[in-house]
Amino acid sequence: MAVAMGQRGAVGLGREQSWGSPVSPTCYLEVFLSEVRSRVEVTPVETARGNRSHRGAVLGPVLVRGPMQGPVSAEGIGTLLHAAFGAVQTTLLAAGGGGNPPVYQHVFTRQTGSDLPSYTIEQNLGGLASLQACGCRVDELTLGIPRSGLVTFQAEWVGADEGSMTPTSPTFPSDEFLHYRGFDALLEGVSAGDIEEAEVTFANNLVTGLVGAGGNARVTRLPAASFTVTGRMVVSADQPNFELAYSAGETFELTLAVTGDLLQGVHRRKLAIALPRVQLTEAAVPLAPGRLAHEVEFLALLDPTQGMEASVTLISSVAAYG
């Protein structure tokens, strides 16, 4: 009898034309973990009935949700960015030909409406069977740039329903994963080499409690509420400006970028997070033996000039996402 092994599994995503209507995957992601599944709260019924037993239990609404974690590649991360932001503008930077791939620039920004793009997720369980979650939207997407190693993502999904499906045959992007070695940071447009690691979370704060009559105890709508961008950084304690900015309540522009492998000519794969107006919410320097560092937390605010709190620019050979 065959044994299901996670290394033989796969995660596929397909953009739905209408919320909750399953589709086949159009792209696949390499992941460390994927656990998007049905979850239901079971509450025992407490009554006075002559003994200490539970006669029954009440099932709460069924909600499909869970995390997905993995390394970031420029070719693959665009689907998650589109799911998290909802709006993208694409520009052709260089045409392909002569053995060179085309080069596209994708700029992801927060969409105005509350109905984000929805996806069907296939979770192939080691090649033996697949779970299919439909009506899935990204509640939170975190991009992490560690002090060394791979750039990573963590997506928290929420969906409408779950079933099973016949496993599909995955094909994965072939570009190199983005790595800390390509990391660069800018403060007010000036290189900031004191920033050692960073993490940014984009949260849609999905409203998950909309369970109506006839919905079979499942969510009947899944709108997004406020768009919140938060993050943290580790900064050398030799840089006092963060503590001063924190105590003074100042705001500043922050850009975090990671450059990857070559596409063609002067164009390389790249991921850049632009936060035009950042407010520090914490700037601590824990005193302990060894080298000291600021542990900085921040909130990205709406910039009235640019009309946004965040954008992510992705350079890849993919013509379109979503």
Protein backbone atom coordinates (compact mmCIF):
# COMPACT_ATOMS: atom_id res chain seq x y z
CA MET A 1 0.00 0.00 0.00
CA ALA A 2 1.35 3.44 -0.99
CA VAL A 3 2.29 5.87 1.79
CA ALA A 4 1.42 9.55 1.42
CA MET A 5 4.63 11.63 1.67
CA GLY A 6 4.56 15.41 1.88
CA GLN A 7 7.53 15.81 -0.46
CA ARG A 8 5.34 14.41 -3.25
CA GLY A 9 2.53 16.85 -2.47
CA ALA A 10 1.77 20.10 -4.23
CA VAL A 11 -0.30 23.25 -3.87
CA GLY A 12 -2.14 24.68 -6.85
CA LEU A 13 -4.12 27.92 -7.17
CA GLY A 14 -6.80 28.90 -9.67
CA ARG A 15 -8.57 32.27 -9.96
CA GLU A 16 -12.34 31.89 -9.71
CA GLN A 17 -14.68 33.71 -12.06
CA SER A 18 -17.32 33.87 -9.34
CA TRP A 19 -16.83 33.45 -5.60
CA GLY A 20 -17.03 29.84 -4.46
CA SER A 21 -17.22 28.26 -7.94
CA PRO A 22 -14.31 25.76 -8.10
CA VAL A 23 -11.77 25.92 -10.93
CA SER A 24 -8.64 23.95 -11.81
CA PRO A 25 -5.20 25.27 -10.79
CA THR A 26 -3.37 27.56 -13.20
CA CYS A 27 -0.23 27.97 -11.09
CA TYR A 28 1.59 25.97 -8.42
CA LEU A 29 3.62 27.05 -5.38
CA GLU A 30 6.42 25.30 -3.54
CA VAL A 31 5.57 25.38 0.16
CA PHE A 32 6.97 24.46 3.55
CA LEU A 33 3.44 23.99 4.90
CA SER A 34 -0.16 24.22 3.73
CA GLU A 35 -3.08 23.55 6.04
CA VAL A 36 -6.14 25.23 4.53
CA ARG A 37 -9.06 23.07 5.68
CA SER A 38 -12.54 23.04 7.16
CA ARG A 39 -12.75 24.00 10.80
CA VAL A 40 -15.85 23.78 12.98
CA GLU A 41 -16.36 24.68 16.62
CA VAL A 42 -17.93 21.89 18.69
CA THR A 43 -19.62 23.04 21.91
CA PRO A 44 -20.88 20.47 24.44
CA VAL A 45 -24.44 21.12 25.70
CA GLU A 46 -24.43 21.68 29.46
CA THR A 47 -27.76 20.82 31.12
CA ALA A 48 -28.97 19.69 34.52
CA ARG A 49 -30.11 16.13 33.82
CA GLY A 50 -29.43 14.09 36.92
CA ASN A 51 -25.80 13.17 36.17
CA ARG A 52 -22.53 14.70 35.02
CA SER A 53 -22.60 13.55 31.40
CA HIS A 54 -22.94 15.50 28.14
CA ARG A 55 -25.97 14.32 26.17
CA GLY A 56 -24.96 16.10 23.01
CA ALA A 57 -22.97 18.85 21.33
CA VAL A 58 -23.74 21.78 19.06
CA LEU A 59 -21.79 22.31 15.86
CA GLY A 60 -20.95 25.92 15.00
CA PRO A 61 -20.54 27.36 11.48
CA VAL A 62 -18.07 25.61 9.16
CA LEU A 63 -15.20 27.85 8.07
CA VAL A 64 -12.41 26.91 5.69
CA ARG A 65 -9.21 28.57 6.84
CA GLY A 66 -5.54 27.98 7.52
CA PRO A 67 -1.94 28.95 6.82
CA MET A 68 0.29 28.48 3.81
CA GLN A 69 4.04 29.05 4.17
CA GLY A 70 6.89 28.86 1.69
CA PRO A 71 9.90 30.44 0.01
CA VAL A 72 9.42 33.43 -2.29
CA SER A 73 10.22 33.26 -6.00
CA ALA A 74 9.59 36.26 -8.22
CA GLU A 75 7.67 34.15 -10.74
CA GLY A 76 5.38 32.53 -8.16
CA ILE A 77 4.66 35.19 -5.54
CA GLY A 78 2.63 37.37 -7.90
CA THR A 79 -0.49 35.21 -7.51
CA LEU A 80 -0.44 35.66 -3.72
CA LEU A 81 0.17 39.40 -4.08
CA HIS A 82 -2.81 39.72 -6.42
CA ALA A 83 -4.96 37.75 -3.98
CA ALA A 84 -3.89 39.98 -1.07
CA PHE A 85 -4.06 43.37 -2.79
CA GLY A 86 -6.69 42.88 -5.50
CA ALA A 87 -5.37 45.48 -7.95
CA VAL A 88 -2.35 45.28 -10.27
CA GLN A 89 -0.91 47.36 -13.11
CA THR A 90 1.39 45.57 -15.54
CA THR A 91 3.99 47.09 -17.89
CA LEU A 92 6.18 45.35 -20.45
CA LEU A 93 9.77 46.46 -19.79
CA ALA A 94 11.52 44.34 -22.42
CA ALA A 95 10.26 41.98 -25.09
CA GLY A 96 11.49 38.40 -25.21
CA GLY A 97 13.38 36.82 -28.05
CA GLY A 98 16.72 35.31 -28.95
CA GLY A 99 16.52 32.95 -26.02
CA ASN A 100 15.70 35.74 -23.56
CA PRO A 101 12.44 35.83 -21.59
CA PRO A 102 10.21 38.93 -21.64
CA VAL A 103 10.40 41.27 -18.66
CA TYR A 104 7.24 42.59 -16.98
CA GLN A 105 6.76 44.98 -14.11
CA HIS A 106 3.70 44.41 -11.89
CA VAL A 107 2.65 47.01 -9.31
CA PHE A 108 0.19 45.70 -6.72
CA THR A 109 -1.96 48.13 -4.73
CA ARG A 110 -5.01 47.90 -2.48
CA GLN A 111 -8.23 47.65 -4.46
CA THR A 112 -11.09 49.97 -3.53
CA GLY A 113 -13.90 47.40 -3.31
CA SER A 114 -14.38 44.90 -0.50
CA ASP A 115 -14.83 41.78 -2.70
CA LEU A 116 -11.27 40.59 -3.23
CA PRO A 117 -10.24 38.05 -5.89
CA SER A 118 -11.11 34.51 -4.83
CA TYR A 119 -9.19 31.32 -5.54
CA THR A 120 -9.63 27.59 -5.54
CA ILE A 121 -6.79 25.85 -3.70
CA GLU A 122 -5.73 22.29 -4.48
CA GLN A 123 -3.70 20.61 -1.76
CA ASN A 124 -2.25 17.42 -3.24
CA LEU A 125 -1.62 15.03 -0.34
CA GLY A 126 1.43 13.21 -1.57
CA GLY A 127 0.06 12.31 -4.98
CA LEU A 128 -2.65 9.98 -3.66
CA ALA A 129 -5.56 12.40 -3.19
CA SER A 130 -6.24 16.12 -3.24
CA LEU A 131 -8.30 18.42 -1.05
CA GLN A 132 -10.03 21.28 -2.84
CA ALA A 133 -10.91 24.50 -0.99
CA CYS A 134 -13.01 27.02 -2.93
CA GLY A 135 -14.00 30.63 -2.38
CA CYS A 136 -10.63 31.32 -0.73
CA ARG A 137 -9.41 34.85 -0.06
CA VAL A 138 -6.23 36.06 1.61
CA ASP A 139 -6.87 37.38 5.09
CA GLU A 140 -3.20 38.16 5.79
CA LEU A 141 -0.01 37.96 3.74
CA THR A 142 3.36 38.31 5.48
CA LEU A 143 6.63 38.73 3.59
CA GLY A 144 9.74 38.07 5.66
CA ILE A 145 13.34 39.02 4.92
CA PRO A 146 15.52 37.24 7.50
CA ARG A 147 19.06 38.19 8.50
CA SER A 148 20.27 35.35 6.29
CA GLY A 149 18.55 32.74 4.17
CA LEU A 150 15.49 32.72 1.95
CA VAL A 151 12.80 35.38 1.71
CA THR A 152 9.56 33.74 2.86
CA PHE A 153 5.80 34.21 2.71
CA GLN A 154 3.01 33.24 5.06
CA ALA A 155 -0.55 33.52 3.75
CA GLU A 156 -3.57 33.10 6.00
CA TRP A 157 -6.49 31.99 3.82
CA VAL A 158 -10.22 31.98 4.54
CA GLY A 159 -12.65 30.15 2.26
CA ALA A 160 -16.20 29.01 1.68
CA ASP A 161 -16.18 25.22 1.29
CA GLU A 162 -13.99 22.14 0.97
CA GLY A 163 -14.19 18.90 -0.96
CA SER A 164 -12.00 16.39 -2.75
CA MET A 165 -10.73 16.22 -6.31
CA THR A 166 -8.56 14.15 -8.61
CA PRO A 167 -4.93 15.31 -8.27
CA THR A 168 -3.61 17.44 -11.12
CA SER A 169 -0.07 17.39 -12.50
CA PRO A 170 1.90 20.32 -11.06
CA THR A 171 4.45 22.47 -12.87
CA PHE A 172 6.52 24.91 -10.82
CA PRO A 173 8.40 28.14 -11.56
CA SER A 174 12.08 27.47 -12.31
CA ASP A 175 13.60 30.75 -11.09
CA GLU A 176 15.83 30.91 -8.01
CA PHE A 177 14.21 31.73 -4.68
CA LEU A 178 14.81 35.29 -3.51
CA HIS A 179 17.53 35.46 -0.86
CA TYR A 180 18.81 37.86 1.77
CA ARG A 181 21.95 38.43 -0.29
CA GLY A 182 19.89 40.63 -2.63
CA PHE A 183 18.34 42.71 0.20
CA ASP A 184 18.44 46.51 0.13
CA ALA A 185 16.58 49.10 2.21
CA LEU A 186 15.96 52.81 1.75
CA LEU A 187 14.89 55.41 4.34
CA GLU A 188 13.61 58.60 2.72
CA GLY A 189 15.33 57.45 -0.46
CA VAL A 190 18.73 56.96 1.21
CA SER A 191 20.37 53.53 1.62
CA ALA A 192 19.88 52.18 5.15
CA GLY A 193 22.47 49.46 5.75
CA ASP A 194 21.67 49.41 9.48
CA ILE A 195 18.41 47.52 8.75
CA GLU A 196 19.33 43.86 9.23
CA GLU A 197 16.02 42.08 8.78
CA ALA A 198 12.40 43.01 8.11
CA GLU A 199 8.88 41.63 7.95
CA VAL A 200 5.73 43.24 6.54
CA THR A 201 2.13 42.01 6.97
CA PHE A 202 -0.74 43.05 4.71
CA ALA A 203 -4.09 42.31 6.41
CA ASN A 204 -7.55 42.49 4.81
CA ASN A 205 -9.40 41.71 8.05
CA LEU A 206 -11.98 39.54 6.29
CA VAL A 207 -15.46 39.47 7.84
CA THR A 208 -15.99 35.76 8.55
CA GLY A 209 -19.27 35.78 10.50
CA LEU A 210 -21.73 36.13 7.61
CA VAL A 211 -23.63 32.85 7.85
CA GLY A 212 -27.18 33.14 6.52
CA ALA A 213 -30.26 30.98 6.13
CA GLY A 214 -29.91 28.32 3.47
CA GLY A 215 -26.13 28.46 3.63
CA ASN A 216 -25.74 25.01 5.21
CA ALA A 217 -23.82 26.56 8.15
CA ARG A 218 -21.19 28.02 5.81
CA VAL A 219 -20.26 31.62 5.12
CA THR A 220 -22.43 33.15 2.42
CA ARG A 221 -20.21 36.20 1.88
CA LEU A 222 -16.59 37.03 2.65
CA PRO A 223 -15.97 40.80 2.31
CA ALA A 224 -12.79 42.61 3.33
CA ALA A 225 -12.83 45.27 6.06
CA SER A 226 -10.01 47.75 6.76
CA PHE A 227 -6.70 47.21 4.98
CA THR A 228 -3.91 47.23 7.58
CA VAL A 229 -0.16 47.18 6.94
CA THR A 230 2.15 46.47 9.86
CA GLY A 231 5.70 45.26 10.22
CA ARG A 232 8.83 44.88 12.23
CA MET A 233 12.55 45.38 11.69
CA VAL A 234 15.80 44.61 13.46
CA VAL A 235 18.11 47.63 13.26
CA SER A 236 21.62 48.15 14.59
CA ALA A 237 21.55 50.05 17.90
CA ASP A 238 24.32 52.25 16.49
CA GLN A 239 21.52 53.99 14.56
CA PRO A 240 19.71 56.29 17.07
CA ASN A 241 17.31 57.82 14.54
CA PHE A 242 14.65 55.15 15.06
CA GLU A 243 14.34 55.82 18.77
CA LEU A 244 14.16 59.57 18.11
CA ALA A 245 11.51 59.10 15.40
CA TYR A 246 9.49 56.85 17.72
CA SER A 247 9.48 59.28 20.65
CA ALA A 248 8.75 62.27 18.40
CA GLY A 249 5.95 60.52 16.50
CA GLU A 250 7.59 61.24 13.16
CA THR A 251 6.70 59.44 9.94
CA PHE A 252 9.06 58.47 7.14
CA GLU A 253 9.23 56.67 3.80
CA LEU A 254 10.53 53.08 3.80
CA THR A 255 11.41 50.83 0.87
CA LEU A 256 12.45 47.19 1.24
CA ALA A 257 13.72 45.44 -1.89
CA VAL A 258 15.20 42.07 -2.80
CA THR A 259 16.89 41.53 -6.17
CA GLY A 260 17.16 38.06 -7.68
CA ASP A 261 18.60 36.35 -10.74
CA LEU A 262 19.08 37.84 -14.19
CA LEU A 263 16.24 37.98 -16.72
CA GLN A 264 17.95 39.77 -19.61
CA GLY A 265 20.17 42.81 -20.17
CA VAL A 266 19.96 45.11 -17.15
CA HIS A 267 16.76 43.50 -15.86
CA ARG A 268 16.78 41.16 -12.88
CA ARG A 269 13.92 39.57 -11.00
CA LYS A 270 12.96 41.81 -8.09
CA LEU A 271 10.48 42.33 -5.27
CA ALA A 272 10.16 45.82 -3.76
CA ILE A 273 7.83 46.91 -0.94
CA ALA A 274 7.15 50.67 -0.86
CA LEU A 275 5.67 52.22 2.29
CA PRO A 276 5.43 55.99 1.75
CA ARG A 277 4.37 56.90 5.32
CA VAL A 278 5.52 54.74 8.21
CA GLN A 279 4.71 55.41 11.89
CA LEU A 280 6.76 53.57 14.52
CA THR A 281 4.71 51.85 17.22
CA GLU A 282 7.67 50.40 19.15
CA ALA A 283 11.44 50.92 19.19
CA ALA A 284 12.99 48.86 21.98
CA VAL A 285 16.66 48.03 22.60
CA PRO A 286 16.71 45.02 24.95
CA LEU A 287 19.86 45.20 27.09
CA ALA A 288 21.63 41.84 27.16
CA PRO A 289 25.19 40.56 26.72
CA GLY A 290 26.34 40.77 23.12
CA ARG A 291 25.66 43.19 20.29
CA LEU A 292 22.64 45.42 20.83
CA ALA A 293 19.92 46.01 18.24
CA HIS A 294 16.67 47.94 17.97
CA GLU A 295 13.54 45.81 17.70
CA VAL A 296 11.28 48.13 15.75
CA GLU A 297 7.56 47.72 15.04
CA PHE A 298 5.61 49.96 12.66
CA LEU A 299 2.29 50.78 11.05
CA ALA A 300 2.02 52.01 7.45
CA LEU A 301 -0.40 54.92 7.11
CA LEU A 302 -2.22 56.30 4.08
CA ASP A 303 -0.08 58.80 2.22
CA PRO A 304 -2.46 61.55 0.99
CA THR A 305 -0.20 62.48 -1.92
CA GLN A 306 0.14 58.97 -3.32
CA GLY A 307 -3.32 57.85 -2.19
CA MET A 308 -2.06 54.55 -0.73
CA GLU A 309 -0.35 53.07 2.31
CA ALA A 310 1.65 50.41 0.47
CA SER A 311 2.55 49.02 -2.92
CA VAL A 312 4.58 46.03 -4.02
CA THR A 313 6.50 46.07 -7.30
CA LEU A 314 7.40 42.73 -8.84
CA ILE A 315 9.65 42.20 -11.86
CA SER A 316 9.31 38.80 -13.50
CA SER A 317 8.80 37.07 -16.85
CA VAL A 318 5.10 36.36 -16.14
CA ALA A 319 2.78 38.35 -18.41
CA ALA A 320 -0.18 38.58 -16.02
CA TYR A 321 -1.31 37.55 -12.55
CA GLY A 322 -4.87 36.93 -11.52
